[in-house]
Amino acid sequence: MTTEKKVASDNDHDRVVMVSISKDGTLDQLDPEFIGGDFSVAASKRQAEERAASIVDQNMRGVTSDVAATVAPGEPDPEIQKIKDAQEKAANAASSAAEKLVKANSGK
């Protein structure tokens, strides 16, 4: 028994599990049909969170590569903590926006 919604064959659209979101916050897909249920929302939120955190990192530190320095354990550097806090704030906002976008386009 299938629970997927039936789509008219004369309607151009994209069947997706996870969306691609443009820089302007709109969907890259054409009239998307979400076939992943709750996973579609979770995956899209995660993608948006990671993208937002990366953007914050690049804007605040100018990071363009994955070169990491080894640091002794201890209290976090205040500047790094500031970046992490900004990343978390941006990730939460992006996650919420992605969830709303998917739900608005999937009838959930």
PDB file of N, CA and C in Angstrom:
ATOM      1  N   MET A   1       0.842  -1.186   0.000  1.00  0.00           N
ATOM      2  CA  MET A   1       0.000   0.000   0.000  1.00  0.00           C
ATOM      3  C   MET A   1       0.882   1.243   0.000  1.00  0.00           C
ATOM      4  N   THR A   2       0.647   2.120  -0.920  1.00  0.00           N
ATOM      5  CA  THR A   2       1.455   3.334  -1.013  1.00  0.00           C
ATOM      6  C   THR A   2       0.714   4.511  -0.398  1.00  0.00           C
ATOM      7  N   THR A   3       1.490   5.409   0.216  1.00  0.00           N
ATOM      8  CA  THR A   3       0.897   6.598   0.817  1.00  0.00           C
ATOM      9  C   THR A   3       1.287   7.851   0.053  1.00  0.00           C
ATOM     10  N   GLU A   4       2.033   7.675  -1.047  1.00  0.00           N
ATOM     11  CA  GLU A   4       2.451   8.828  -1.831  1.00  0.00           C
ATOM     12  C   GLU A   4       1.257   9.400  -2.577  1.00  0.00           C
ATOM     13  N   LYS A   5       1.227  10.746  -2.693  1.00  0.00           N
ATOM     14  CA  LYS A   5       0.097  11.356  -3.388  1.00  0.00           C
ATOM     15  C   LYS A   5       0.240  11.149  -4.886  1.00  0.00           C
ATOM     16  N   LYS A   6      -0.861  11.002  -5.536  1.00  0.00           N
ATOM     17  CA  LYS A   6      -0.882  10.803  -6.983  1.00  0.00           C
ATOM     18  C   LYS A   6      -0.759  12.170  -7.662  1.00  0.00           C
ATOM     19  N   VAL A   7       0.083  12.228  -8.700  1.00  0.00           N
ATOM     20  CA  VAL A   7       0.341  13.476  -9.403  1.00  0.00           C
ATOM     21  C   VAL A   7      -0.117  13.341 -10.844  1.00  0.00           C
ATOM     22  N   ALA A   8      -0.745  14.371 -11.351  1.00  0.00           N
ATOM     23  CA  ALA A   8      -1.201  14.351 -12.744  1.00  0.00           C
ATOM     24  C   ALA A   8      -0.008  14.206 -13.674  1.00  0.00           C
ATOM     25  N   SER A   9      -0.121  13.360 -14.675  1.00  0.00           N
ATOM     26  CA  SER A   9       0.998  13.087 -15.571  1.00  0.00           C
ATOM     27  C   SER A   9       1.300  14.251 -16.502  1.00  0.00           C
ATOM     28  N   ASP A  10       0.372  15.181 -16.684  1.00  0.00           N
ATOM     29  CA  ASP A  10       0.629  16.306 -17.577  1.00  0.00           C
ATOM     30  C   ASP A  10       1.230  17.509 -16.841  1.00  0.00           C
ATOM     31  N   ASN A  11       1.593  17.343 -15.602  1.00  0.00           N
ATOM     32  CA  ASN A  11       2.135  18.426 -14.780  1.00  0.00           C
ATOM     33  C   ASN A  11       3.641  18.251 -14.611  1.00  0.00           C
ATOM     34  N   ASP A  12       4.432  19.176 -15.153  1.00  0.00           N
ATOM     35  CA  ASP A  12       5.877  19.126 -14.946  1.00  0.00           C
ATOM     36  C   ASP A  12       6.178  19.459 -13.492  1.00  0.00           C
ATOM     37  N   HIS A  13       6.966  18.610 -12.877  1.00  0.00           N
ATOM     38  CA  HIS A  13       7.359  18.852 -11.494  1.00  0.00           C
ATOM     39  C   HIS A  13       8.566  17.974 -11.169  1.00  0.00           C
ATOM     40  N   ASP A  14       9.185  18.236 -10.025  1.00  0.00           N
ATOM     41  CA  ASP A  14      10.319  17.446  -9.561  1.00  0.00           C
ATOM     42  C   ASP A  14       9.904  16.616  -8.360  1.00  0.00           C
ATOM     43  N   ARG A  15      10.266  15.327  -8.374  1.00  0.00           N
ATOM     44  CA  ARG A  15      10.037  14.459  -7.210  1.00  0.00           C
ATOM     45  C   ARG A  15      11.330  14.469  -6.409  1.00  0.00           C
ATOM     46  N   VAL A  16      11.260  14.877  -5.151  1.00  0.00           N
ATOM     47  CA  VAL A  16      12.463  15.040  -4.337  1.00  0.00           C
ATOM     48  C   VAL A  16      12.264  14.493  -2.932  1.00  0.00           C
ATOM     49  N   VAL A  17      13.372  14.133  -2.332  1.00  0.00           N
ATOM     50  CA  VAL A  17      13.381  13.791  -0.918  1.00  0.00           C
ATOM     51  C   VAL A  17      13.874  15.003  -0.138  1.00  0.00           C
ATOM     52  N   MET A  18      14.880  15.679  -0.683  1.00  0.00           N
ATOM     53  CA  MET A  18      15.443  16.858  -0.027  1.00  0.00           C
ATOM     54  C   MET A  18      15.543  17.975  -1.056  1.00  0.00           C
ATOM     55  N   VAL A  19      15.211  19.183  -0.656  1.00  0.00           N
ATOM     56  CA  VAL A  19      15.223  20.312  -1.575  1.00  0.00           C
ATOM     57  C   VAL A  19      16.618  20.911  -1.719  1.00  0.00           C
ATOM     58  N   SER A  20      16.782  21.658  -2.772  1.00  0.00           N
ATOM     59  CA  SER A  20      17.926  22.547  -2.934  1.00  0.00           C
ATOM     60  C   SER A  20      17.354  23.949  -2.807  1.00  0.00           C
ATOM     61  N   ILE A  21      17.959  24.733  -1.943  1.00  0.00           N
ATOM     62  CA  ILE A  21      17.457  26.079  -1.696  1.00  0.00           C
ATOM     63  C   ILE A  21      18.436  27.083  -2.297  1.00  0.00           C
ATOM     64  N   SER A  22      17.925  27.971  -3.127  1.00  0.00           N
ATOM     65  CA  SER A  22      18.745  28.999  -3.761  1.00  0.00           C
ATOM     66  C   SER A  22      19.232  30.009  -2.731  1.00  0.00           C
ATOM     67  N   LYS A  23      20.206  30.816  -3.113  1.00  0.00           N
ATOM     68  CA  LYS A  23      20.734  31.844  -2.217  1.00  0.00           C
ATOM     69  C   LYS A  23      19.659  32.817  -1.761  1.00  0.00           C
ATOM     70  N   ASP A  24      18.644  33.024  -2.605  1.00  0.00           N
ATOM     71  CA  ASP A  24      17.575  33.965  -2.241  1.00  0.00           C
ATOM     72  C   ASP A  24      16.494  33.317  -1.374  1.00  0.00           C
ATOM     73  N   GLY A  25      16.678  32.031  -1.025  1.00  0.00           N
ATOM     74  CA  GLY A  25      15.745  31.345  -0.134  1.00  0.00           C
ATOM     75  C   GLY A  25      14.595  30.646  -0.823  1.00  0.00           C
ATOM     76  N   THR A  26      14.585  30.623  -2.137  1.00  0.00           N
ATOM     77  CA  THR A  26      13.523  29.936  -2.868  1.00  0.00           C
ATOM     78  C   THR A  26      13.986  28.539  -3.271  1.00  0.00           C
ATOM     79  N   LEU A  27      13.043  27.711  -3.641  1.00  0.00           N
ATOM     80  CA  LEU A  27      13.365  26.346  -4.047  1.00  0.00           C
ATOM     81  C   LEU A  27      13.949  26.314  -5.458  1.00  0.00           C
ATOM     82  N   ASP A  28      14.929  25.443  -5.668  1.00  0.00           N
ATOM     83  CA  ASP A  28      15.483  25.234  -7.007  1.00  0.00           C
ATOM     84  C   ASP A  28      14.591  24.304  -7.824  1.00  0.00           C
ATOM     85  N   GLN A  29      13.725  23.555  -7.182  1.00  0.00           N
ATOM     86  CA  GLN A  29      12.887  22.577  -7.873  1.00  0.00           C
ATOM     87  C   GLN A  29      11.628  23.232  -8.444  1.00  0.00           C
ATOM     88  N   LEU A  30      11.101  22.592  -9.458  1.00  0.00           N
ATOM     89  CA  LEU A  30       9.869  23.031 -10.094  1.00  0.00           C
ATOM     90  C   LEU A  30       8.700  22.279  -9.470  1.00  0.00           C
ATOM     91  N   ASP A  31       7.823  22.981  -8.792  1.00  0.00           N
ATOM     92  CA  ASP A  31       6.632  22.385  -8.194  1.00  0.00           C
ATOM     93  C   ASP A  31       6.959  21.043  -7.535  1.00  0.00           C
ATOM     94  N   PRO A  32       7.814  21.050  -6.489  1.00  0.00           N
ATOM     95  CA  PRO A  32       8.308  19.790  -5.929  1.00  0.00           C
ATOM     96  C   PRO A  32       7.236  18.901  -5.314  1.00  0.00           C
ATOM     97  N   GLU A  33       7.391  17.612  -5.547  1.00  0.00           N
ATOM     98  CA  GLU A  33       6.575  16.587  -4.894  1.00  0.00           C
ATOM     99  C   GLU A  33       7.503  15.906  -3.895  1.00  0.00           C
ATOM    100  N   PHE A  34       7.254  16.095  -2.610  1.00  0.00           N
ATOM    101  CA  PHE A  34       8.118  15.519  -1.576  1.00  0.00           C
ATOM    102  C   PHE A  34       7.724  14.072  -1.332  1.00  0.00           C
ATOM    103  N   ILE A  35       8.680  13.177  -1.528  1.00  0.00           N
ATOM    104  CA  ILE A  35       8.409  11.749  -1.389  1.00  0.00           C
ATOM    105  C   ILE A  35       9.080  11.163  -0.153  1.00  0.00           C
ATOM    106  N   GLY A  36       9.665  12.015   0.663  1.00  0.00           N
ATOM    107  CA  GLY A  36      10.389  11.519   1.827  1.00  0.00           C
ATOM    108  C   GLY A  36       9.684  11.715   3.152  1.00  0.00           C
ATOM    109  N   GLY A  37       8.471  12.223   3.143  1.00  0.00           N
ATOM    110  CA  GLY A  37       7.731  12.420   4.390  1.00  0.00           C
ATOM    111  C   GLY A  37       8.477  13.313   5.366  1.00  0.00           C
ATOM    112  N   ASP A  38       8.504  12.920   6.631  1.00  0.00           N
ATOM    113  CA  ASP A  38       9.176  13.698   7.670  1.00  0.00           C
ATOM    114  C   ASP A  38      10.673  13.801   7.415  1.00  0.00           C
ATOM    115  N   PHE A  39      11.241  12.821   6.719  1.00  0.00           N
ATOM    116  CA  PHE A  39      12.668  12.878   6.404  1.00  0.00           C
ATOM    117  C   PHE A  39      12.981  14.085   5.531  1.00  0.00           C
ATOM    118  N   SER A  40      12.053  14.455   4.639  1.00  0.00           N
ATOM    119  CA  SER A  40      12.258  15.626   3.780  1.00  0.00           C
ATOM    120  C   SER A  40      12.456  16.882   4.613  1.00  0.00           C
ATOM    121  N   VAL A  41      11.649  17.041   5.636  1.00  0.00           N
ATOM    122  CA  VAL A  41      11.760  18.208   6.507  1.00  0.00           C
ATOM    123  C   VAL A  41      13.085  18.166   7.261  1.00  0.00           C
ATOM    124  N   ALA A  42      13.410  17.031   7.857  1.00  0.00           N
ATOM    125  CA  ALA A  42      14.640  16.911   8.646  1.00  0.00           C
ATOM    126  C   ALA A  42      15.888  17.126   7.791  1.00  0.00           C
ATOM    127  N   ALA A  43      15.920  16.537   6.608  1.00  0.00           N
ATOM    128  CA  ALA A  43      17.086  16.669   5.729  1.00  0.00           C
ATOM    129  C   ALA A  43      17.245  18.100   5.244  1.00  0.00           C
ATOM    130  N   SER A  44      16.155  18.729   4.901  1.00  0.00           N
ATOM    131  CA  SER A  44      16.217  20.112   4.417  1.00  0.00           C
ATOM    132  C   SER A  44      16.646  21.063   5.528  1.00  0.00           C
ATOM    133  N   LYS A  45      16.155  20.821   6.743  1.00  0.00           N
ATOM    134  CA  LYS A  45      16.566  21.632   7.881  1.00  0.00           C
ATOM    135  C   LYS A  45      18.065  21.480   8.136  1.00  0.00           C
ATOM    136  N   ARG A  46      18.554  20.251   8.106  1.00  0.00           N
ATOM    137  CA  ARG A  46      19.979  19.999   8.355  1.00  0.00           C
ATOM    138  C   ARG A  46      20.850  20.681   7.303  1.00  0.00           C
ATOM    139  N   GLN A  47      20.448  20.574   6.048  1.00  0.00           N
ATOM    140  CA  GLN A  47      21.188  21.206   4.962  1.00  0.00           C
ATOM    141  C   GLN A  47      21.240  22.727   5.180  1.00  0.00           C
ATOM    142  N   ALA A  48      20.120  23.318   5.539  1.00  0.00           N
ATOM    143  CA  ALA A  48      20.063  24.765   5.750  1.00  0.00           C
ATOM    144  C   ALA A  48      20.915  25.186   6.943  1.00  0.00           C
ATOM    145  N   GLU A  49      20.894  24.386   8.012  1.00  0.00           N
ATOM    146  CA  GLU A  49      21.703  24.680   9.193  1.00  0.00           C
ATOM    147  C   GLU A  49      23.187  24.697   8.847  1.00  0.00           C
ATOM    148  N   GLU A  50      23.637  23.667   8.126  1.00  0.00           N
ATOM    149  CA  GLU A  50      25.055  23.562   7.778  1.00  0.00           C
ATOM    150  C   GLU A  50      25.477  24.682   6.843  1.00  0.00           C
ATOM    151  N   ARG A  51      24.622  25.028   5.906  1.00  0.00           N
ATOM    152  CA  ARG A  51      24.938  26.112   4.977  1.00  0.00           C
ATOM    153  C   ARG A  51      25.043  27.435   5.730  1.00  0.00           C
ATOM    154  N   ALA A  52      24.103  27.695   6.636  1.00  0.00           N
ATOM    155  CA  ALA A  52      24.108  28.943   7.402  1.00  0.00           C
ATOM    156  C   ALA A  52      25.343  29.042   8.284  1.00  0.00           C
ATOM    157  N   ALA A  53      25.706  27.954   8.952  1.00  0.00           N
ATOM    158  CA  ALA A  53      26.895  27.953   9.808  1.00  0.00           C
ATOM    159  C   ALA A  53      28.151  28.206   8.985  1.00  0.00           C
ATOM    160  N   SER A  54      28.224  27.621   7.806  1.00  0.00           N
ATOM    161  CA  SER A  54      29.374  27.818   6.929  1.00  0.00           C
ATOM    162  C   SER A  54      29.475  29.271   6.467  1.00  0.00           C
ATOM    163  N   ILE A  55      28.349  29.863   6.145  1.00  0.00           N
ATOM    164  CA  ILE A  55      28.339  31.262   5.708  1.00  0.00           C
ATOM    165  C   ILE A  55      28.820  32.172   6.828  1.00  0.00           C
ATOM    166  N   VAL A  56      28.352  31.910   8.056  1.00  0.00           N
ATOM    167  CA  VAL A  56      28.791  32.705   9.203  1.00  0.00           C
ATOM    168  C   VAL A  56      30.305  32.554   9.382  1.00  0.00           C
ATOM    169  N   ASP A  57      30.787  31.337   9.300  1.00  0.00           N
ATOM    170  CA  ASP A  57      32.216  31.079   9.464  1.00  0.00           C
ATOM    171  C   ASP A  57      33.026  31.846   8.427  1.00  0.00           C
ATOM    172  N   GLN A  58      32.604  31.778   7.183  1.00  0.00           N
ATOM    173  CA  GLN A  58      33.313  32.483   6.121  1.00  0.00           C
ATOM    174  C   GLN A  58      33.267  33.994   6.332  1.00  0.00           C
ATOM    175  N   ASN A  59      32.118  34.517   6.731  1.00  0.00           N
ATOM    176  CA  ASN A  59      31.994  35.962   6.931  1.00  0.00           C
ATOM    177  C   ASN A  59      32.780  36.473   8.128  1.00  0.00           C
ATOM    178  N   MET A  60      32.826  35.679   9.202  1.00  0.00           N
ATOM    179  CA  MET A  60      33.485  36.143  10.416  1.00  0.00           C
ATOM    180  C   MET A  60      34.989  35.855  10.446  1.00  0.00           C
ATOM    181  N   ARG A  61      35.412  34.791   9.783  1.00  0.00           N
ATOM    182  CA  ARG A  61      36.831  34.427   9.836  1.00  0.00           C
ATOM    183  C   ARG A  61      37.510  34.446   8.480  1.00  0.00           C
ATOM    184  N   GLY A  62      36.745  34.554   7.427  1.00  0.00           N
ATOM    185  CA  GLY A  62      37.346  34.516   6.113  1.00  0.00           C
ATOM    186  C   GLY A  62      37.825  33.121   5.741  1.00  0.00           C
ATOM    187  N   VAL A  63      37.215  32.104   6.338  1.00  0.00           N
ATOM    188  CA  VAL A  63      37.634  30.729   6.100  1.00  0.00           C
ATOM    189  C   VAL A  63      37.201  30.293   4.708  1.00  0.00           C
ATOM    190  N   THR A  64      38.161  29.745   3.956  1.00  0.00           N
ATOM    191  CA  THR A  64      37.836  29.246   2.626  1.00  0.00           C
ATOM    192  C   THR A  64      38.360  27.841   2.406  1.00  0.00           C
ATOM    193  N   SER A  65      39.018  27.267   3.422  1.00  0.00           N
ATOM    194  CA  SER A  65      39.517  25.899   3.291  1.00  0.00           C
ATOM    195  C   SER A  65      39.339  25.166   4.611  1.00  0.00           C
ATOM    196  N   ASP A  66      39.664  23.886   4.616  1.00  0.00           N
ATOM    197  CA  ASP A  66      39.453  23.048   5.797  1.00  0.00           C
ATOM    198  C   ASP A  66      40.774  22.762   6.500  1.00  0.00           C
ATOM    199  N   VAL A  67      41.577  23.780   6.731  1.00  0.00           N
ATOM    200  CA  VAL A  67      42.848  23.607   7.417  1.00  0.00           C
ATOM    201  C   VAL A  67      42.604  23.889   8.900  1.00  0.00           C
ATOM    202  N   ALA A  68      42.872  22.879   9.741  1.00  0.00           N
ATOM    203  CA  ALA A  68      42.609  23.031  11.177  1.00  0.00           C
ATOM    204  C   ALA A  68      43.918  23.035  11.966  1.00  0.00           C
ATOM    205  N   ALA A  69      43.971  23.866  12.976  1.00  0.00           N
ATOM    206  CA  ALA A  69      45.136  23.910  13.862  1.00  0.00           C
ATOM    207  C   ALA A  69      44.828  23.091  15.108  1.00  0.00           C
ATOM    208  N   THR A  70      45.847  22.450  15.673  1.00  0.00           N
ATOM    209  CA  THR A  70      45.682  21.681  16.899  1.00  0.00           C
ATOM    210  C   THR A  70      45.770  22.630  18.083  1.00  0.00           C
ATOM    211  N   VAL A  71      44.796  22.524  18.990  1.00  0.00           N
ATOM    212  CA  VAL A  71      44.736  23.405  20.145  1.00  0.00           C
ATOM    213  C   VAL A  71      44.633  22.555  21.403  1.00  0.00           C
ATOM    214  N   ALA A  72      45.291  23.003  22.460  1.00  0.00           N
ATOM    215  CA  ALA A  72      45.228  22.292  23.734  1.00  0.00           C
ATOM    216  C   ALA A  72      43.828  22.429  24.310  1.00  0.00           C
ATOM    217  N   PRO A  73      43.337  21.369  25.011  1.00  0.00           N
ATOM    218  CA  PRO A  73      42.005  21.457  25.617  1.00  0.00           C
ATOM    219  C   PRO A  73      41.970  22.522  26.709  1.00  0.00           C
ATOM    220  N   GLY A  74      40.800  23.063  26.943  1.00  0.00           N
ATOM    221  CA  GLY A  74      40.634  24.090  27.963  1.00  0.00           C
ATOM    222  C   GLY A  74      39.436  24.941  27.637  1.00  0.00           C
ATOM    223  N   GLU A  75      39.430  26.132  28.159  1.00  0.00           N
ATOM    224  CA  GLU A  75      38.333  27.062  27.904  1.00  0.00           C
ATOM    225  C   GLU A  75      38.358  27.487  26.435  1.00  0.00           C
ATOM    226  N   PRO A  76      37.177  27.577  25.817  1.00  0.00           N
ATOM    227  CA  PRO A  76      37.149  28.004  24.424  1.00  0.00           C
ATOM    228  C   PRO A  76      37.613  29.454  24.279  1.00  0.00           C
ATOM    229  N   ASP A  77      38.292  29.721  23.221  1.00  0.00           N
ATOM    230  CA  ASP A  77      38.723  31.069  22.887  1.00  0.00           C
ATOM    231  C   ASP A  77      37.477  31.938  22.750  1.00  0.00           C
ATOM    232  N   PRO A  78      37.446  33.123  23.376  1.00  0.00           N
ATOM    233  CA  PRO A  78      36.249  33.982  23.303  1.00  0.00           C
ATOM    234  C   PRO A  78      35.849  34.330  21.868  1.00  0.00           C
ATOM    235  N   GLU A  79      36.831  34.518  21.003  1.00  0.00           N
ATOM    236  CA  GLU A  79      36.532  34.858  19.605  1.00  0.00           C
ATOM    237  C   GLU A  79      35.875  33.667  18.893  1.00  0.00           C
ATOM    238  N   ILE A  80      36.366  32.465  19.174  1.00  0.00           N
ATOM    239  CA  ILE A  80      35.781  31.253  18.593  1.00  0.00           C
ATOM    240  C   ILE A  80      34.374  31.046  19.135  1.00  0.00           C
ATOM    241  N   GLN A  81      34.177  31.271  20.433  1.00  0.00           N
ATOM    242  CA  GLN A  81      32.851  31.117  21.031  1.00  0.00           C
ATOM    243  C   GLN A  81      31.864  32.089  20.401  1.00  0.00           C
ATOM    244  N   LYS A  82      32.331  33.304  20.109  1.00  0.00           N
ATOM    245  CA  LYS A  82      31.487  34.307  19.457  1.00  0.00           C
ATOM    246  C   LYS A  82      31.040  33.802  18.081  1.00  0.00           C
ATOM    247  N   ILE A  83      31.959  33.194  17.345  1.00  0.00           N
ATOM    248  CA  ILE A  83      31.636  32.645  16.026  1.00  0.00           C
ATOM    249  C   ILE A  83      30.659  31.484  16.166  1.00  0.00           C
ATOM    250  N   LYS A  84      30.915  30.591  17.134  1.00  0.00           N
ATOM    251  CA  LYS A  84      30.027  29.444  17.335  1.00  0.00           C
ATOM    252  C   LYS A  84      28.613  29.893  17.699  1.00  0.00           C
ATOM    253  N   ASP A  85      28.505  30.922  18.537  1.00  0.00           N
ATOM    254  CA  ASP A  85      27.192  31.447  18.918  1.00  0.00           C
ATOM    255  C   ASP A  85      26.464  32.028  17.705  1.00  0.00           C
ATOM    256  N   ALA A  86      27.201  32.751  16.863  1.00  0.00           N
ATOM    257  CA  ALA A  86      26.602  33.318  15.655  1.00  0.00           C
ATOM    258  C   ALA A  86      26.187  32.216  14.685  1.00  0.00           C
ATOM    259  N   GLN A  87      27.011  31.168  14.596  1.00  0.00           N
ATOM    260  CA  GLN A  87      26.665  30.028  13.733  1.00  0.00           C
ATOM    261  C   GLN A  87      25.383  29.362  14.205  1.00  0.00           C
ATOM    262  N   GLU A  88      25.277  29.147  15.501  1.00  0.00           N
ATOM    263  CA  GLU A  88      24.087  28.497  16.053  1.00  0.00           C
ATOM    264  C   GLU A  88      22.831  29.324  15.791  1.00  0.00           C
ATOM    265  N   LYS A  89      22.943  30.640  15.972  1.00  0.00           N
ATOM    266  CA  LYS A  89      21.805  31.525  15.717  1.00  0.00           C
ATOM    267  C   LYS A  89      21.395  31.462  14.240  1.00  0.00           C
ATOM    268  N   ALA A  90      22.376  31.522  13.343  1.00  0.00           N
ATOM    269  CA  ALA A  90      22.087  31.462  11.906  1.00  0.00           C
ATOM    270  C   ALA A  90      21.521  30.099  11.516  1.00  0.00           C
ATOM    271  N   ALA A  91      22.072  29.042  12.103  1.00  0.00           N
ATOM    272  CA  ALA A  91      21.607  27.685  11.800  1.00  0.00           C
ATOM    273  C   ALA A  91      20.152  27.503  12.236  1.00  0.00           C
ATOM    274  N   ASN A  92      19.808  28.004  13.404  1.00  0.00           N
ATOM    275  CA  ASN A  92      18.429  27.894  13.887  1.00  0.00           C
ATOM    276  C   ASN A  92      17.460  28.649  12.981  1.00  0.00           C
ATOM    277  N   ALA A  93      17.848  29.842  12.561  1.00  0.00           N
ATOM    278  CA  ALA A  93      16.993  30.628  11.669  1.00  0.00           C
ATOM    279  C   ALA A  93      16.832  29.928  10.323  1.00  0.00           C
ATOM    280  N   ALA A  94      17.936  29.392   9.784  1.00  0.00           N
ATOM    281  CA  ALA A  94      17.885  28.698   8.494  1.00  0.00           C
ATOM    282  C   ALA A  94      17.057  27.425   8.584  1.00  0.00           C
ATOM    283  N   SER A  95      17.196  26.711   9.688  1.00  0.00           N
ATOM    284  CA  SER A  95      16.441  25.484   9.903  1.00  0.00           C
ATOM    285  C   SER A  95      14.945  25.767   9.920  1.00  0.00           C
ATOM    286  N   SER A  96      14.572  26.810  10.620  1.00  0.00           N
ATOM    287  CA  SER A  96      13.159  27.184  10.699  1.00  0.00           C
ATOM    288  C   SER A  96      12.620  27.583   9.325  1.00  0.00           C
ATOM    289  N   ALA A  97      13.419  28.361   8.587  1.00  0.00           N
ATOM    290  CA  ALA A  97      12.992  28.788   7.251  1.00  0.00           C
ATOM    291  C   ALA A  97      12.851  27.593   6.312  1.00  0.00           C
ATOM    292  N   ALA A  98      13.796  26.646   6.378  1.00  0.00           N
ATOM    293  CA  ALA A  98      13.735  25.457   5.519  1.00  0.00           C
ATOM    294  C   ALA A  98      12.521  24.611   5.851  1.00  0.00           C
ATOM    295  N   GLU A  99      12.233  24.454   7.138  1.00  0.00           N
ATOM    296  CA  GLU A  99      11.069  23.670   7.556  1.00  0.00           C
ATOM    297  C   GLU A  99       9.788  24.305   7.011  1.00  0.00           C
ATOM    298  N   LYS A 100       9.659  25.623   7.148  1.00  0.00           N
ATOM    299  CA  LYS A 100       8.473  26.318   6.644  1.00  0.00           C
ATOM    300  C   LYS A 100       8.362  26.172   5.130  1.00  0.00           C
ATOM    301  N   LEU A 101       9.490  26.271   4.430  1.00  0.00           N
ATOM    302  CA  LEU A 101       9.485  26.170   2.972  1.00  0.00           C
ATOM    303  C   LEU A 101       9.045  24.787   2.509  1.00  0.00           C
ATOM    304  N   VAL A 102       9.581  23.740   3.159  1.00  0.00           N
ATOM    305  CA  VAL A 102       9.205  22.383   2.782  1.00  0.00           C
ATOM    306  C   VAL A 102       7.752  22.125   3.105  1.00  0.00           C
ATOM    307  N   LYS A 103       7.318  22.495   4.284  1.00  0.00           N
ATOM    308  CA  LYS A 103       5.929  22.252   4.678  1.00  0.00           C
ATOM    309  C   LYS A 103       4.948  23.044   3.804  1.00  0.00           C
ATOM    310  N   ALA A 104       5.325  24.248   3.423  1.00  0.00           N
ATOM    311  CA  ALA A 104       4.451  25.057   2.580  1.00  0.00           C
ATOM    312  C   ALA A 104       4.318  24.455   1.183  1.00  0.00           C
ATOM    313  N   ASN A 105       5.332  23.724   0.746  1.00  0.00           N
ATOM    314  CA  ASN A 105       5.309  23.156  -0.595  1.00  0.00           C
ATOM    315  C   ASN A 105       4.949  21.677  -0.609  1.00  0.00           C
ATOM    316  N   SER A 106       4.677  21.099   0.547  1.00  0.00           N
ATOM    317  CA  SER A 106       4.337  19.679   0.569  1.00  0.00           C
ATOM    318  C   SER A 106       2.974  19.405   1.182  1.00  0.00           C
ATOM    319  N   GLY A 107       2.300  20.450   1.606  1.00  0.00           N
ATOM    320  CA  GLY A 107       0.969  20.262   2.187  1.00  0.00           C
ATOM    321  C   GLY A 107       1.015  19.705   3.592  1.00  0.00           C
ATOM    322  N   LYS A 108       2.189  19.663   4.235  1.00  0.00           N
ATOM    323  CA  LYS A 108       2.312  19.152   5.615  1.00  0.00           C
ATOM    324  C   LYS A 108       1.948  20.206   6.605  1.00  0.00           C
TER     325      LYS A 108
END
